[in-house]
Each structure stands twice: as C-alpha cells, then as structure tokens.
Amino acid sequence: MSVIYIVLPLAIIIASAAVLAFIWAVRRGEFDDLDTPPLRMLFDDDDAVPPKR
C-alpha cells in the first residue's frame, strides 16, 4: 500500500509532462499542416545530381 505514495505522484508528473509537451507542440505549429507531408513524397524529384569528377 505504501507504493501508491510513490507511484501516484510519479504518474501525475509524467502525465503533466505529456500534456505540457503537447501544448508546447501545438503552440509551435507542429500540427498545422497534416495533409501536405504525406503527399510531399509523391512529388519528390528523382533527378539525381551527377557526381563531380
């Protein structure tokens, strides 16, 4: 029963850190454009630059 005094505060700290990381990512705009990155690979150029001699 005494382990709950260690695990509960630890779980609250980890959950708070996850929520803060999510809020930080949202404010930085990490989730603004969710459609373009999957489509970007379709439009990549396959033209390789020839090696210099």
PDB file of N, CA and C in Angstrom:
ATOM      1  N   MET A   1       0.818  -1.197   0.000  1.00  0.00           N
ATOM      2  CA  MET A   1       0.000   0.000   0.000  1.00  0.00           C
ATOM      3  C   MET A   1       0.859   1.256   0.000  1.00  0.00           C
ATOM      4  N   SER A   2       2.060   1.162   0.556  1.00  0.00           N
ATOM      5  CA  SER A   2       2.903   2.356   0.619  1.00  0.00           C
ATOM      6  C   SER A   2       3.495   2.716  -0.745  1.00  0.00           C
ATOM      7  N   VAL A   3       3.460   1.772  -1.699  1.00  0.00           N
ATOM      8  CA  VAL A   3       3.999   2.058  -3.024  1.00  0.00           C
ATOM      9  C   VAL A   3       3.134   3.081  -3.760  1.00  0.00           C
ATOM     10  N   ILE A   4       1.868   3.185  -3.381  1.00  0.00           N
ATOM     11  CA  ILE A   4       0.981   4.150  -4.023  1.00  0.00           C
ATOM     12  C   ILE A   4       1.439   5.594  -3.754  1.00  0.00           C
ATOM     13  N   TYR A   5       2.130   5.821  -2.658  1.00  0.00           N
ATOM     14  CA  TYR A   5       2.630   7.153  -2.336  1.00  0.00           C
ATOM     15  C   TYR A   5       3.785   7.550  -3.261  1.00  0.00           C
ATOM     16  N   ILE A   6       4.388   6.586  -3.904  1.00  0.00           N
ATOM     17  CA  ILE A   6       5.464   6.861  -4.857  1.00  0.00           C
ATOM     18  C   ILE A   6       4.920   6.865  -6.286  1.00  0.00           C
ATOM     19  N   VAL A   7       4.073   5.905  -6.619  1.00  0.00           N
ATOM     20  CA  VAL A   7       3.598   5.730  -7.983  1.00  0.00           C
ATOM     21  C   VAL A   7       2.610   6.818  -8.388  1.00  0.00           C
ATOM     22  N   LEU A   8       1.714   7.203  -7.514  1.00  0.00           N
ATOM     23  CA  LEU A   8       0.708   8.204  -7.857  1.00  0.00           C
ATOM     24  C   LEU A   8       1.321   9.564  -8.180  1.00  0.00           C
ATOM     25  N   PRO A   9       2.194  10.117  -7.355  1.00  0.00           N
ATOM     26  CA  PRO A   9       2.823  11.389  -7.734  1.00  0.00           C
ATOM     27  C   PRO A   9       3.687  11.264  -8.999  1.00  0.00           C
ATOM     28  N   LEU A  10       4.342  10.123  -9.165  1.00  0.00           N
ATOM     29  CA  LEU A  10       5.145   9.907 -10.363  1.00  0.00           C
ATOM     30  C   LEU A  10       4.260   9.878 -11.608  1.00  0.00           C
ATOM     31  N   ALA A  11       3.121   9.235 -11.532  1.00  0.00           N
ATOM     32  CA  ALA A  11       2.185   9.187 -12.657  1.00  0.00           C
ATOM     33  C   ALA A  11       1.636  10.571 -12.965  1.00  0.00           C
ATOM     34  N   ILE A  12       1.359  11.357 -11.940  1.00  0.00           N
ATOM     35  CA  ILE A  12       0.866  12.718 -12.153  1.00  0.00           C
ATOM     36  C   ILE A  12       1.930  13.577 -12.810  1.00  0.00           C
ATOM     37  N   ILE A  13       3.171  13.424 -12.414  1.00  0.00           N
ATOM     38  CA  ILE A  13       4.273  14.196 -13.010  1.00  0.00           C
ATOM     39  C   ILE A  13       4.460  13.820 -14.476  1.00  0.00           C
ATOM     40  N   ILE A  14       4.427  12.529 -14.790  1.00  0.00           N
ATOM     41  CA  ILE A  14       4.602  12.079 -16.170  1.00  0.00           C
ATOM     42  C   ILE A  14       3.433  12.536 -17.042  1.00  0.00           C
ATOM     43  N   ALA A  15       2.213  12.447 -16.536  1.00  0.00           N
ATOM     44  CA  ALA A  15       1.046  12.899 -17.289  1.00  0.00           C
ATOM     45  C   ALA A  15       1.093  14.404 -17.516  1.00  0.00           C
ATOM     46  N   SER A  16       1.516  15.156 -16.514  1.00  0.00           N
ATOM     47  CA  SER A  16       1.645  16.607 -16.662  1.00  0.00           C
ATOM     48  C   SER A  16       2.700  16.962 -17.701  1.00  0.00           C
ATOM     49  N   ALA A  17       3.801  16.235 -17.704  1.00  0.00           N
ATOM     50  CA  ALA A  17       4.853  16.475 -18.695  1.00  0.00           C
ATOM     51  C   ALA A  17       4.343  16.189 -20.103  1.00  0.00           C
ATOM     52  N   ALA A  18       3.548  15.149 -20.270  1.00  0.00           N
ATOM     53  CA  ALA A  18       2.996  14.818 -21.586  1.00  0.00           C
ATOM     54  C   ALA A  18       2.027  15.899 -22.056  1.00  0.00           C
ATOM     55  N   VAL A  19       1.191  16.391 -21.166  1.00  0.00           N
ATOM     56  CA  VAL A  19       0.248  17.451 -21.520  1.00  0.00           C
ATOM     57  C   VAL A  19       1.000  18.731 -21.869  1.00  0.00           C
ATOM     58  N   LEU A  20       2.004  19.072 -21.109  1.00  0.00           N
ATOM     59  CA  LEU A  20       2.797  20.271 -21.402  1.00  0.00           C
ATOM     60  C   LEU A  20       3.542  20.147 -22.727  1.00  0.00           C
ATOM     61  N   ALA A  21       4.056  18.969 -23.027  1.00  0.00           N
ATOM     62  CA  ALA A  21       4.732  18.758 -24.311  1.00  0.00           C
ATOM     63  C   ALA A  21       3.749  18.891 -25.468  1.00  0.00           C
ATOM     64  N   PHE A  22       2.541  18.402 -25.297  1.00  0.00           N
ATOM     65  CA  PHE A  22       1.528  18.532 -26.334  1.00  0.00           C
ATOM     66  C   PHE A  22       1.144  19.992 -26.545  1.00  0.00           C
ATOM     67  N   ILE A  23       0.936  20.725 -25.469  1.00  0.00           N
ATOM     68  CA  ILE A  23       0.589  22.149 -25.578  1.00  0.00           C
ATOM     69  C   ILE A  23       1.716  22.920 -26.241  1.00  0.00           C
ATOM     70  N   TRP A  24       2.952  22.607 -25.885  1.00  0.00           N
ATOM     71  CA  TRP A  24       4.115  23.269 -26.482  1.00  0.00           C
ATOM     72  C   TRP A  24       4.174  22.997 -27.986  1.00  0.00           C
ATOM     73  N   ALA A  25       3.913  21.760 -28.396  1.00  0.00           N
ATOM     74  CA  ALA A  25       3.952  21.404 -29.811  1.00  0.00           C
ATOM     75  C   ALA A  25       2.833  22.097 -30.585  1.00  0.00           C
ATOM     76  N   VAL A  26       1.660  22.200 -29.989  1.00  0.00           N
ATOM     77  CA  VAL A  26       0.543  22.872 -30.657  1.00  0.00           C
ATOM     78  C   VAL A  26       0.847  24.353 -30.841  1.00  0.00           C
ATOM     79  N   ARG A  27       1.402  24.986 -29.843  1.00  0.00           N
ATOM     80  CA  ARG A  27       1.726  26.414 -29.949  1.00  0.00           C
ATOM     81  C   ARG A  27       2.827  26.692 -30.951  1.00  0.00           C
ATOM     82  N   ARG A  28       3.727  25.736 -31.170  1.00  0.00           N
ATOM     83  CA  ARG A  28       4.797  25.903 -32.154  1.00  0.00           C
ATOM     84  C   ARG A  28       4.331  25.605 -33.564  1.00  0.00           C
ATOM     85  N   GLY A  29       3.113  25.095 -33.714  1.00  0.00           N
ATOM     86  CA  GLY A  29       2.556  24.846 -35.035  1.00  0.00           C
ATOM     87  C   GLY A  29       2.911  23.503 -35.627  1.00  0.00           C
ATOM     88  N   GLU A  30       3.237  22.545 -34.795  1.00  0.00           N
ATOM     89  CA  GLU A  30       3.615  21.232 -35.300  1.00  0.00           C
ATOM     90  C   GLU A  30       2.447  20.493 -35.957  1.00  0.00           C
ATOM     91  N   PHE A  31       1.227  20.836 -35.606  1.00  0.00           N
ATOM     92  CA  PHE A  31       0.059  20.129 -36.125  1.00  0.00           C
ATOM     93  C   PHE A  31      -0.760  20.987 -37.076  1.00  0.00           C
ATOM     94  N   ASP A  32      -0.169  22.057 -37.622  1.00  0.00           N
ATOM     95  CA  ASP A  32      -0.903  22.950 -38.502  1.00  0.00           C
ATOM     96  C   ASP A  32      -1.228  22.318 -39.849  1.00  0.00           C
ATOM     97  N   ASP A  33      -0.260  21.674 -40.470  1.00  0.00           N
ATOM     98  CA  ASP A  33      -0.449  21.128 -41.801  1.00  0.00           C
ATOM     99  C   ASP A  33      -0.298  19.608 -41.758  1.00  0.00           C
ATOM    100  N   LEU A  34      -1.415  18.916 -41.718  1.00  0.00           N
ATOM    101  CA  LEU A  34      -1.376  17.469 -41.629  1.00  0.00           C
ATOM    102  C   LEU A  34      -1.570  16.795 -42.981  1.00  0.00           C
ATOM    103  N   ASP A  35      -1.904  17.572 -44.029  1.00  0.00           N
ATOM    104  CA  ASP A  35      -2.189  16.978 -45.325  1.00  0.00           C
ATOM    105  C   ASP A  35      -0.986  16.965 -46.260  1.00  0.00           C
ATOM    106  N   THR A  36      -0.142  17.970 -46.206  1.00  0.00           N
ATOM    107  CA  THR A  36       0.957  18.086 -47.161  1.00  0.00           C
ATOM    108  C   THR A  36       2.072  17.051 -46.968  1.00  0.00           C
ATOM    109  N   PRO A  37       2.555  16.768 -45.769  1.00  0.00           N
ATOM    110  CA  PRO A  37       3.675  15.824 -45.641  1.00  0.00           C
ATOM    111  C   PRO A  37       3.448  14.447 -46.267  1.00  0.00           C
ATOM    112  N   PRO A  38       2.272  13.823 -46.152  1.00  0.00           N
ATOM    113  CA  PRO A  38       2.117  12.529 -46.832  1.00  0.00           C
ATOM    114  C   PRO A  38       2.129  12.650 -48.356  1.00  0.00           C
ATOM    115  N   LEU A  39       1.710  13.799 -48.879  1.00  0.00           N
ATOM    116  CA  LEU A  39       1.676  13.983 -50.328  1.00  0.00           C
ATOM    117  C   LEU A  39       3.014  14.453 -50.886  1.00  0.00           C
ATOM    118  N   ARG A  40       3.860  14.990 -50.050  1.00  0.00           N
ATOM    119  CA  ARG A  40       5.137  15.535 -50.498  1.00  0.00           C
ATOM    120  C   ARG A  40       6.020  14.466 -51.132  1.00  0.00           C
ATOM    121  N   MET A  41       5.943  13.242 -50.645  1.00  0.00           N
ATOM    122  CA  MET A  41       6.773  12.174 -51.209  1.00  0.00           C
ATOM    123  C   MET A  41       6.359  11.834 -52.631  1.00  0.00           C
ATOM    124  N   LEU A  42       5.112  12.106 -53.005  1.00  0.00           N
ATOM    125  CA  LEU A  42       4.668  11.819 -54.357  1.00  0.00           C
ATOM    126  C   LEU A  42       5.259  12.780 -55.376  1.00  0.00           C
ATOM    127  N   PHE A  43       5.633  13.968 -54.941  1.00  0.00           N
ATOM    128  CA  PHE A  43       6.122  14.989 -55.846  1.00  0.00           C
ATOM    129  C   PHE A  43       7.621  15.205 -55.756  1.00  0.00           C
ATOM    130  N   ASP A  44       8.334  14.331 -55.066  1.00  0.00           N
ATOM    131  CA  ASP A  44       9.786  14.452 -54.992  1.00  0.00           C
ATOM    132  C   ASP A  44      10.393  14.210 -56.366  1.00  0.00           C
ATOM    133  N   ASP A  45      11.406  14.997 -56.667  1.00  0.00           N
ATOM    134  CA  ASP A  45      12.109  14.823 -57.930  1.00  0.00           C
ATOM    135  C   ASP A  45      13.082  13.663 -57.811  1.00  0.00           C
ATOM    136  N   ASP A  46      13.105  12.846 -58.833  1.00  0.00           N
ATOM    137  CA  ASP A  46      14.036  11.717 -58.847  1.00  0.00           C
ATOM    138  C   ASP A  46      15.306  12.060 -59.616  1.00  0.00           C
ATOM    139  N   ASP A  47      15.442  13.311 -60.053  1.00  0.00           N
ATOM    140  CA  ASP A  47      16.622  13.726 -60.794  1.00  0.00           C
ATOM    141  C   ASP A  47      17.814  13.771 -59.852  1.00  0.00           C
ATOM    142  N   ALA A  48      18.721  12.870 -60.070  1.00  0.00           N
ATOM    143  CA  ALA A  48      19.921  12.838 -59.236  1.00  0.00           C
ATOM    144  C   ALA A  48      20.985  13.745 -59.861  1.00  0.00           C
ATOM    145  N   VAL A  49      21.695  14.415 -59.017  1.00  0.00           N
ATOM    146  CA  VAL A  49      22.773  15.269 -59.482  1.00  0.00           C
ATOM    147  C   VAL A  49      23.964  14.366 -59.829  1.00  0.00           C
ATOM    148  N   PRO A  50      24.502  14.503 -61.046  1.00  0.00           N
ATOM    149  CA  PRO A  50      25.635  13.640 -61.402  1.00  0.00           C
ATOM    150  C   PRO A  50      26.841  13.954 -60.537  1.00  0.00           C
ATOM    151  N   PRO A  51      27.603  12.928 -60.174  1.00  0.00           N
ATOM    152  CA  PRO A  51      28.779  13.164 -59.319  1.00  0.00           C
ATOM    153  C   PRO A  51      29.850  13.967 -60.064  1.00  0.00           C
ATOM    154  N   LYS A  52      30.535  14.803 -59.307  1.00  0.00           N
ATOM    155  CA  LYS A  52      31.609  15.594 -59.880  1.00  0.00           C
ATOM    156  C   LYS A  52      32.836  14.709 -60.055  1.00  0.00           C
ATOM    157  N   ARG A  53      33.574  14.962 -61.123  1.00  0.00           N
ATOM    158  CA  ARG A  53      34.781  14.161 -61.383  1.00  0.00           C
ATOM    159  C   ARG A  53      36.017  14.921 -61.056  1.00  0.00           C
TER     160      ARG A  53
END
